[in-house]
Amino acid sequence: MDTPRRRDVNKSPTYKSWMKLYICDITASLVSLSLSFASESTYFLNGHPVRWISIVGTVTSIDEHEKKISFSIDDGSGQCINAVAWRDSMTGKDMPRLHSTVKARGELELYHDAWQLKLISLELDVSLEAQVKFWDEANENHARLAKTNARKRSKHTV
């Protein structure tokens, strides 16, 4: 696949919005096509540029360090992802608790060949109703991206 042009990436609706994704989609499908995009935390899912992601899941571990906090999130899709935030950006009430359900938003980065989420915002104690709504929207995103990618492939194979 050729590296997309900057103007095409900027026009994409997936580039300018929060993409609600499953963690397994991130770990299995996301790739970086060039260092220039990776330095901007822009990656590609089925050929679509993704800059900001949103995930919902359960906090399964917490590692506190002097200057940062990292915690693992499991969304039940078979994969986990680490979320990282600077300690000075979080107050006591914003700190995740073990086994709590959270909605995390941020930018992706590769750290030691594994995906991690650079946290921008964190919502604690997400209700079951909000989780179901999130999964419905994540399913719609997944189906829409798969359909447009299949359409692009069929144009190139004709």
Protein backbone atom coordinates (compact mmCIF):
# COMPACT_ATOMS: atom_id res chain seq x y z
CA MET A 1 0.00 0.00 0.00
CA ASP A 2 1.33 3.42 -0.95
CA THR A 3 1.77 6.12 1.65
CA PRO A 4 -1.29 8.38 1.50
CA ARG A 5 -0.93 12.03 0.62
CA ARG A 6 -1.23 14.55 3.45
CA ARG A 7 -4.31 16.24 1.94
CA ASP A 8 -6.12 12.90 1.68
CA VAL A 9 -5.38 12.11 5.32
CA ASN A 10 -6.58 15.55 6.45
CA LYS A 11 -9.89 15.10 4.57
CA SER A 12 -10.69 11.76 6.14
CA PRO A 13 -13.52 11.78 8.72
CA THR A 14 -11.67 9.16 10.76
CA TYR A 15 -8.71 11.52 11.13
CA LYS A 16 -10.75 14.33 12.67
CA SER A 17 -12.88 12.35 15.13
CA TRP A 18 -12.63 10.11 18.18
CA MET A 19 -12.68 6.55 16.90
CA LYS A 20 -14.41 4.13 19.23
CA LEU A 21 -12.54 0.87 18.83
CA TYR A 22 -12.06 -2.57 20.30
CA ILE A 23 -8.57 -3.17 21.64
CA CYS A 24 -8.25 -6.29 19.44
CA ASP A 25 -8.77 -4.06 16.37
CA ILE A 26 -5.93 -1.84 17.53
CA THR A 27 -3.48 -4.66 18.16
CA ALA A 28 -4.35 -6.66 15.04
CA SER A 29 -5.05 -4.09 12.35
CA LEU A 30 -3.33 -0.81 13.10
CA VAL A 31 -0.17 -0.09 11.16
CA SER A 32 2.10 2.83 10.58
CA LEU A 33 2.89 3.50 6.95
CA SER A 34 5.56 6.14 7.40
CA LEU A 35 7.60 7.73 10.14
CA SER A 36 6.15 11.15 9.35
CA PHE A 37 2.65 9.97 10.27
CA ALA A 38 3.83 7.95 13.28
CA SER A 39 5.49 11.02 14.75
CA GLU A 40 2.04 12.66 14.76
CA SER A 41 0.41 9.65 16.45
CA THR A 42 -1.45 8.90 13.22
CA TYR A 43 -1.85 5.26 12.26
CA PHE A 44 -3.99 3.42 9.74
CA LEU A 45 -6.85 1.00 10.34
CA ASN A 46 -7.98 -0.75 7.14
CA GLY A 47 -6.43 2.11 5.17
CA HIS A 48 -8.15 4.83 7.20
CA PRO A 49 -6.08 7.32 9.22
CA VAL A 50 -6.74 7.18 12.95
CA ARG A 51 -5.34 9.81 15.30
CA TRP A 52 -7.49 9.73 18.44
CA ILE A 53 -9.12 6.66 19.92
CA SER A 54 -11.64 5.95 22.62
CA ILE A 55 -11.94 2.63 24.46
CA VAL A 56 -14.07 1.28 27.29
CA GLY A 57 -12.92 -1.50 29.58
CA THR A 58 -11.96 -2.73 33.03
CA VAL A 59 -8.77 -1.69 34.78
CA THR A 60 -6.84 -4.92 35.38
CA SER A 61 -3.56 -3.58 36.77
CA ILE A 62 -2.08 -0.29 37.96
CA ASP A 63 1.61 0.64 38.05
CA GLU A 64 2.43 3.87 39.86
CA HIS A 65 5.75 5.56 39.19
CA GLU A 66 7.24 8.77 40.48
CA LYS A 67 6.18 10.90 37.50
CA LYS A 68 3.58 8.80 35.72
CA ILE A 69 0.89 6.22 36.20
CA SER A 70 0.18 3.37 33.82
CA PHE A 71 -2.68 0.93 33.95
CA SER A 72 -3.90 -1.92 31.82
CA ILE A 73 -7.38 -1.89 30.30
CA ASP A 74 -9.22 -5.04 29.20
CA ASP A 75 -12.34 -4.61 27.05
CA GLY A 76 -13.17 -8.31 26.82
CA SER A 77 -12.08 -8.57 23.18
CA GLY A 78 -9.15 -10.82 24.00
CA GLN A 79 -6.51 -8.08 24.17
CA CYS A 80 -5.40 -5.48 26.71
CA ILE A 81 -3.75 -2.10 26.26
CA ASN A 82 -1.71 0.04 28.64
CA ALA A 83 -2.81 3.61 29.25
CA VAL A 84 -0.24 6.13 30.47
CA ALA A 85 -0.69 9.54 32.07
CA TRP A 86 1.59 12.03 33.80
CA ARG A 87 0.96 12.06 37.52
CA ASP A 88 0.67 15.86 37.69
CA SER A 89 -2.25 15.76 35.22
CA MET A 90 -4.34 13.52 37.50
CA THR A 91 -5.87 14.37 40.84
CA GLY A 92 -6.79 11.82 43.48
CA LYS A 93 -10.39 11.64 42.31
CA ASP A 94 -9.25 11.08 38.70
CA MET A 95 -7.09 8.07 39.54
CA PRO A 96 -8.31 4.75 38.19
CA ARG A 97 -9.15 2.00 40.64
CA LEU A 98 -8.47 -1.67 40.13
CA HIS A 99 -11.47 -3.49 38.57
CA SER A 100 -13.32 -0.23 37.80
CA THR A 101 -14.84 0.34 34.38
CA VAL A 102 -13.35 3.31 32.54
CA LYS A 103 -13.69 5.18 29.28
CA ALA A 104 -10.23 6.24 28.14
CA ARG A 105 -9.44 8.65 25.32
CA GLY A 106 -6.04 9.39 23.92
CA GLU A 107 -3.41 9.03 21.24
CA LEU A 108 -1.72 5.78 20.36
CA GLU A 109 2.00 5.22 20.45
CA LEU A 110 4.30 2.26 20.13
CA TYR A 111 6.39 1.59 23.22
CA HIS A 112 8.73 -1.40 23.18
CA ASP A 113 6.80 -2.84 20.21
CA ALA A 114 3.47 -2.72 22.03
CA TRP A 115 0.60 -0.27 21.66
CA GLN A 116 -0.11 2.08 24.51
CA LEU A 117 -2.58 4.90 24.94
CA LYS A 118 -1.26 8.36 25.87
CA LEU A 119 -4.19 9.45 27.99
CA ILE A 120 -5.99 12.70 27.18
CA SER A 121 -9.11 12.07 29.27
CA LEU A 122 -10.43 9.39 31.59
CA GLU A 123 -14.00 8.82 32.70
CA LEU A 124 -14.39 6.62 35.78
CA ASP A 125 -17.23 4.25 36.73
CA VAL A 126 -18.87 4.07 33.31
CA SER A 127 -22.46 2.84 33.55
CA LEU A 128 -23.63 -0.33 31.83
CA GLU A 129 -25.94 1.75 29.62
CA ALA A 130 -23.01 3.92 28.49
CA GLN A 131 -20.92 0.80 27.82
CA VAL A 132 -23.63 -0.73 25.62
CA LYS A 133 -23.97 2.55 23.69
CA PHE A 134 -20.18 2.64 23.23
CA TRP A 135 -20.07 -0.95 21.91
CA ASP A 136 -22.91 -0.23 19.47
CA GLU A 137 -20.96 2.75 18.10
CA ALA A 138 -17.73 0.73 17.99
CA ASN A 139 -19.54 -1.98 15.99
CA GLU A 140 -20.84 0.67 13.55
CA ASN A 141 -17.30 2.08 13.13
CA HIS A 142 -15.91 -1.39 12.54
CA ALA A 143 -18.54 -2.25 9.92
CA ARG A 144 -18.22 1.12 8.16
CA LEU A 145 -14.42 0.90 7.94
CA ALA A 146 -14.53 -2.69 6.70
CA LYS A 147 -17.14 -1.82 4.06
CA THR A 148 -15.26 1.21 2.68
CA ASN A 149 -12.02 -0.76 2.64
CA ALA A 150 -13.70 -3.59 0.69
CA ARG A 151 -15.07 -1.04 -1.79
CA LYS A 152 -11.57 0.43 -2.33
CA ARG A 153 -10.12 -3.05 -2.92
CA SER A 154 -12.82 -3.99 -5.44
CA LYS A 155 -12.10 -0.82 -7.47
CA HIS A 156 -8.42 -1.72 -7.67
CA THR A 157 -9.02 -5.35 -8.67
CA VAL A 158 -11.41 -4.64 -11.55
